[in-house]
Amino acid sequence: MIGWLRRLLGQDRPHPPLPPPLPAWEPEPPPPPVPAWAPTPQPPRQRGEAEIDAVEAALNGLIAAGLRLGPHYDGMDRRAVARAMAEHPEFAVGDGNETLPLTERSSEALSIDILWSYRALADAIADEFANAAIFEDHCYDGADAETYRALFARLIDLAGIWTGRGVAVAPVPGLGPYGHGFRVAFETQPPIPPLTFPADKNFDWSLLERLDAGRPAGETRRFRVAADGGAGLVLFLDDAEARAIAALLGWGPDDL
């Protein structure tokens, strides 16, 4: 009787097989990392010997006026230095006349091309000149203490007039429009008083006047700055050198 009821109700039918278990969930592997962007190296520009002549003449004028070459060009004669500058892909660019042969550029323009060294910015060259350097000076609202430490250390080295060149930078909260600033302390002789300043969009080149105030007694050279809102050219010159170089650049006697 029980067996009959089970058959009637279908309870004696074999149970269908259980479906296979679902595979355990595993996250998809992350996509491969995107390579960091790097500029494609540009080949040297092809320059004729007359163009090298023009750059060499401008370079000779700047050196006679007081510019000094740095260790980057050690072991190279003046002609080789002029060639290296002229053939660099960043030489004489950015003013709308970059397609002109260098022989058609004025000596003032070539002098600016030499000093306003996009070569150094592109290749991170810190020692192209012994008493001049170019710096990126914008977007400093996001700069950290190490950025400022490296900048001030390079300025102290550029001048070369202080013994002991330690630089320490600490953040200072509650200053300026961005709500923070920095204190820069120097370990030099003669001493340079500490600097405290707010963070800002661009680097404040007037701070170099505070460095000038700490020069050794009798030092006639001082920092000179020319800035265009994207980069700052800093030179360490005496008054006569500054006037002579400004004249070669086509600037006024008080522009450096």
Protein backbone atom coordinates (compact mmCIF):
# COMPACT_ATOMS: atom_id res chain seq x y z
CA MET A 1 0.00 0.00 0.00
CA ILE A 2 2.76 2.45 0.94
CA GLY A 3 4.71 1.60 -2.18
CA TRP A 4 1.60 2.19 -4.27
CA LEU A 5 1.07 5.61 -2.72
CA ARG A 6 4.70 6.56 -3.27
CA ARG A 7 4.41 5.58 -6.93
CA LEU A 8 1.16 7.52 -7.21
CA LEU A 9 2.74 10.64 -5.76
CA GLY A 10 5.88 10.25 -7.80
CA GLN A 11 8.04 9.99 -4.73
CA ASP A 12 9.74 6.85 -5.93
CA ARG A 13 11.14 8.55 -9.00
CA PRO A 14 14.88 8.99 -8.88
CA HIS A 15 15.98 12.52 -8.03
CA PRO A 16 17.56 14.39 -10.94
CA PRO A 17 21.28 14.78 -10.61
CA LEU A 18 22.44 17.93 -8.90
CA PRO A 19 23.95 20.54 -11.19
CA PRO A 20 27.70 20.78 -11.03
CA PRO A 21 28.93 23.31 -8.48
CA LEU A 22 29.63 26.79 -9.76
CA PRO A 23 33.30 27.66 -9.89
CA ALA A 24 34.48 29.85 -7.07
CA TRP A 25 34.46 33.55 -7.99
CA GLU A 26 37.82 35.01 -8.69
CA PRO A 27 38.47 38.65 -9.51
CA GLU A 28 39.68 39.45 -12.98
CA PRO A 29 43.39 40.12 -13.15
CA PRO A 30 44.22 43.82 -13.20
CA PRO A 31 45.07 45.30 -16.57
CA PRO A 32 48.75 45.59 -17.34
CA PRO A 33 50.28 48.84 -16.10
CA VAL A 34 50.39 51.69 -18.55
CA PRO A 35 54.00 52.65 -19.19
CA ALA A 36 54.93 56.05 -17.83
CA TRP A 37 54.94 58.69 -20.54
CA ALA A 38 58.34 59.78 -21.65
CA PRO A 39 59.16 62.22 -24.42
CA THR A 40 60.54 60.74 -27.57
CA PRO A 41 64.18 61.75 -27.85
CA GLN A 42 64.63 64.14 -30.72
CA PRO A 43 67.60 63.81 -33.05
CA PRO A 44 70.14 66.65 -33.16
CA ARG A 45 69.32 69.41 -35.59
CA GLN A 46 71.42 69.66 -38.69
CA ARG A 47 73.33 72.94 -38.65
CA GLY A 48 75.71 74.37 -41.19
CA GLU A 49 79.14 75.63 -40.24
CA ALA A 50 78.04 79.24 -40.75
CA GLU A 51 75.29 78.68 -38.18
CA ILE A 52 77.83 77.27 -35.72
CA ASP A 53 79.98 80.35 -36.40
CA ALA A 54 77.07 82.60 -35.41
CA VAL A 55 76.40 80.74 -32.17
CA GLU A 56 80.10 80.64 -31.31
CA ALA A 57 80.37 84.41 -31.81
CA ALA A 58 77.39 85.02 -29.50
CA LEU A 59 78.81 82.60 -26.92
CA ASN A 60 82.20 84.30 -27.02
CA GLY A 61 80.53 87.65 -26.40
CA LEU A 62 78.65 86.34 -23.35
CA ILE A 63 81.78 84.76 -21.91
CA ALA A 64 83.75 87.96 -22.42
CA ALA A 65 80.98 89.80 -20.58
CA GLY A 66 81.15 87.49 -17.56
CA LEU A 67 79.26 84.25 -18.26
CA ARG A 68 81.20 81.16 -17.18
CA LEU A 69 80.71 77.68 -18.59
CA GLY A 70 80.01 74.89 -16.12
CA PRO A 71 81.29 71.32 -15.70
CA HIS A 72 78.76 70.07 -18.26
CA TYR A 73 81.16 71.29 -20.96
CA ASP A 74 84.42 70.20 -19.34
CA GLY A 75 86.95 69.00 -21.92
CA MET A 76 85.19 70.71 -24.83
CA ASP A 77 86.65 73.61 -26.76
CA ARG A 78 84.52 76.68 -27.45
CA ARG A 79 83.57 75.52 -30.95
CA ALA A 80 82.38 72.14 -29.67
CA VAL A 81 80.27 73.87 -27.01
CA ALA A 82 78.67 76.14 -29.62
CA ARG A 83 77.95 73.13 -31.83
CA ALA A 84 76.38 71.17 -28.96
CA MET A 85 74.12 74.12 -28.17
CA ALA A 86 73.14 74.85 -31.78
CA GLU A 87 72.35 71.23 -32.62
CA HIS A 88 70.20 70.64 -29.54
CA PRO A 89 66.52 70.24 -30.57
CA GLU A 90 65.48 72.81 -27.95
CA PHE A 91 67.82 75.55 -29.21
CA ALA A 92 66.11 78.61 -30.72
CA VAL A 93 62.54 77.37 -30.34
CA GLY A 94 59.38 78.93 -29.03
CA ASP A 95 59.38 82.43 -30.50
CA GLY A 96 57.79 81.76 -33.87
CA ASN A 97 61.13 82.03 -35.67
CA GLU A 98 62.42 78.54 -34.97
CA THR A 99 62.44 77.66 -38.66
CA LEU A 100 64.86 80.46 -39.47
CA PRO A 101 68.47 79.49 -40.10
CA LEU A 102 70.60 80.62 -37.20
CA THR A 103 72.49 82.91 -39.55
CA GLU A 104 69.28 84.94 -39.93
CA ARG A 105 68.83 85.45 -36.20
CA SER A 106 70.26 88.52 -34.56
CA SER A 107 73.18 88.24 -32.17
CA GLU A 108 70.82 89.37 -29.38
CA ALA A 109 68.40 86.54 -30.18
CA LEU A 110 71.21 83.98 -30.26
CA SER A 111 72.52 85.26 -26.93
CA ILE A 112 69.06 84.77 -25.43
CA ASP A 113 68.88 81.30 -26.99
CA ILE A 114 72.15 80.43 -25.28
CA LEU A 115 71.22 81.74 -21.83
CA TRP A 116 67.49 80.93 -21.81
CA SER A 117 68.39 77.29 -21.89
CA TYR A 118 65.44 75.10 -22.74
CA ARG A 119 68.19 72.54 -23.30
CA ALA A 120 68.85 72.44 -19.56
CA LEU A 121 65.15 72.15 -18.74
CA ALA A 122 64.59 69.38 -21.29
CA ASP A 123 67.62 67.32 -20.24
CA ALA A 124 67.70 68.25 -16.51
CA ILE A 125 71.18 69.75 -16.88
CA ALA A 126 72.11 71.51 -13.63
CA ASP A 127 75.68 72.51 -14.45
CA GLU A 128 75.61 74.00 -17.93
CA PHE A 129 76.89 77.33 -16.62
CA ALA A 130 78.88 78.09 -13.49
CA ASN A 131 77.13 81.38 -12.71
CA ALA A 132 73.75 81.07 -14.45
CA ALA A 133 70.88 78.60 -14.32
CA ILE A 134 67.31 78.33 -15.53
CA PHE A 135 64.50 77.05 -13.32
CA GLU A 136 60.87 76.14 -13.84
CA ASP A 137 59.12 78.51 -11.49
CA HIS A 138 55.38 77.91 -11.97
CA CYS A 139 52.87 75.53 -10.28
CA TYR A 140 54.65 75.93 -6.95
CA ASP A 141 51.33 75.75 -5.09
CA GLY A 142 51.87 71.97 -5.14
CA ALA A 143 55.59 72.04 -4.33
CA ASP A 144 56.76 70.09 -1.30
CA ALA A 145 59.64 70.70 1.10
CA GLU A 146 62.10 68.71 -1.01
CA THR A 147 61.32 70.81 -4.10
CA TYR A 148 62.21 73.97 -2.19
CA ARG A 149 65.25 72.38 -0.58
CA ALA A 150 66.66 71.38 -3.98
CA LEU A 151 65.99 74.83 -5.44
CA PHE A 152 67.67 76.76 -2.61
CA ALA A 153 70.58 74.31 -2.47
CA ARG A 154 71.16 74.86 -6.18
CA LEU A 155 71.07 78.64 -5.72
CA ILE A 156 73.63 78.45 -2.91
CA ASP A 157 75.88 76.28 -5.10
CA LEU A 158 75.45 78.65 -8.03
CA ALA A 159 76.76 81.58 -6.01
CA GLY A 160 79.62 79.56 -4.53
CA ILE A 161 80.41 82.23 -1.93
CA TRP A 162 79.27 80.50 1.25
CA THR A 163 81.10 77.76 3.13
CA GLY A 164 78.89 74.99 4.43
CA ARG A 165 75.94 74.69 2.09
CA GLY A 166 73.36 72.74 4.09
CA VAL A 167 69.71 73.61 3.47
CA ALA A 168 66.75 72.32 5.50
CA VAL A 169 63.09 73.03 4.73
CA ALA A 170 60.08 72.47 6.99
CA PRO A 171 56.39 73.05 6.23
CA VAL A 172 54.61 75.83 8.12
CA PRO A 173 50.80 75.59 8.37
CA GLY A 174 48.41 78.50 8.18
CA LEU A 175 50.24 80.78 5.76
CA GLY A 176 48.98 82.50 2.64
CA PRO A 177 46.19 81.70 0.18
CA TYR A 178 46.96 77.98 0.09
CA GLY A 179 46.98 77.60 3.86
CA HIS A 180 50.60 76.58 4.23
CA GLY A 181 54.12 77.75 3.64
CA PHE A 182 57.72 76.81 4.34
CA ARG A 183 60.64 77.74 6.54
CA VAL A 184 64.09 77.43 4.96
CA ALA A 185 67.12 77.23 7.26
CA PHE A 186 70.69 77.50 5.99
CA GLU A 187 73.86 76.06 7.46
CA THR A 188 76.31 78.50 5.93
CA GLN A 189 79.11 80.86 6.80
CA PRO A 190 78.52 83.71 6.84
CA PRO A 191 75.04 82.86 8.10
CA ILE A 192 71.93 83.42 6.02
CA PRO A 193 68.88 84.20 8.18
CA PRO A 194 66.03 81.67 7.82
CA LEU A 195 63.30 82.42 5.31
CA THR A 196 59.60 81.87 6.00
CA PHE A 197 57.12 82.39 3.16
CA PRO A 198 53.67 81.22 2.03
CA ALA A 199 53.17 78.78 -0.81
CA ASP A 200 52.07 80.49 -4.00
CA LYS A 201 51.30 79.68 -7.62
CA ASN A 202 54.75 80.78 -8.80
CA PHE A 203 58.07 80.89 -7.01
CA ASP A 204 58.72 84.26 -5.40
CA TRP A 205 62.04 85.42 -6.86
CA SER A 206 62.16 88.39 -4.50
CA LEU A 207 63.36 85.90 -1.87
CA LEU A 208 66.77 86.06 -3.54
CA GLU A 209 67.21 89.55 -2.10
CA ARG A 210 67.24 87.87 1.32
CA LEU A 211 70.06 85.60 0.15
CA ASP A 212 71.95 88.61 -1.15
CA ALA A 213 71.70 90.15 2.32
CA GLY A 214 73.73 87.24 3.70
CA ARG A 215 76.68 87.57 1.30
CA PRO A 216 80.21 87.77 2.69
CA ALA A 217 81.49 91.28 3.33
CA GLY A 218 82.97 92.84 0.21
CA GLU A 219 81.19 90.48 -2.22
CA THR A 220 80.08 92.59 -5.19
CA ARG A 221 78.21 89.93 -7.11
CA ARG A 222 74.54 89.27 -6.44
CA PHE A 223 71.64 87.31 -7.84
CA ARG A 224 69.95 88.66 -10.98
CA VAL A 225 66.65 87.24 -12.23
CA ALA A 226 64.72 87.39 -15.49
CA ALA A 227 61.40 85.52 -15.46
CA ASP A 228 58.63 85.09 -18.03
CA GLY A 229 55.97 83.33 -15.94
CA GLY A 230 57.08 79.85 -16.98
CA ALA A 231 60.78 79.83 -16.21
CA GLY A 232 63.26 81.97 -14.36
CA LEU A 233 66.82 82.70 -15.47
CA VAL A 234 69.10 83.34 -12.49
CA LEU A 235 72.60 84.77 -12.85
CA PHE A 236 75.17 85.64 -10.17
CA LEU A 237 77.03 88.70 -11.46
CA ASP A 238 78.50 92.00 -10.43
CA ASP A 239 77.06 95.24 -11.78
CA ALA A 240 79.48 95.56 -14.70
CA GLU A 241 78.91 91.96 -15.80
CA ALA A 242 75.14 92.37 -15.53
CA ARG A 243 75.16 95.52 -17.68
CA ALA A 244 77.40 93.91 -20.29
CA ILE A 245 75.29 90.76 -20.56
CA ALA A 246 72.03 92.75 -20.62
CA ALA A 247 73.41 94.76 -23.56
CA LEU A 248 74.22 91.56 -25.45
CA LEU A 249 70.66 90.38 -24.88
CA GLY A 250 69.28 93.65 -26.20
CA TRP A 251 67.94 94.60 -22.76
CA GLY A 252 68.28 97.79 -20.78
CA PRO A 253 71.19 98.33 -18.36
CA ASP A 254 68.92 97.80 -15.34
CA ASP A 255 67.11 94.72 -16.65
CA LEU A 256 69.45 92.32 -14.83
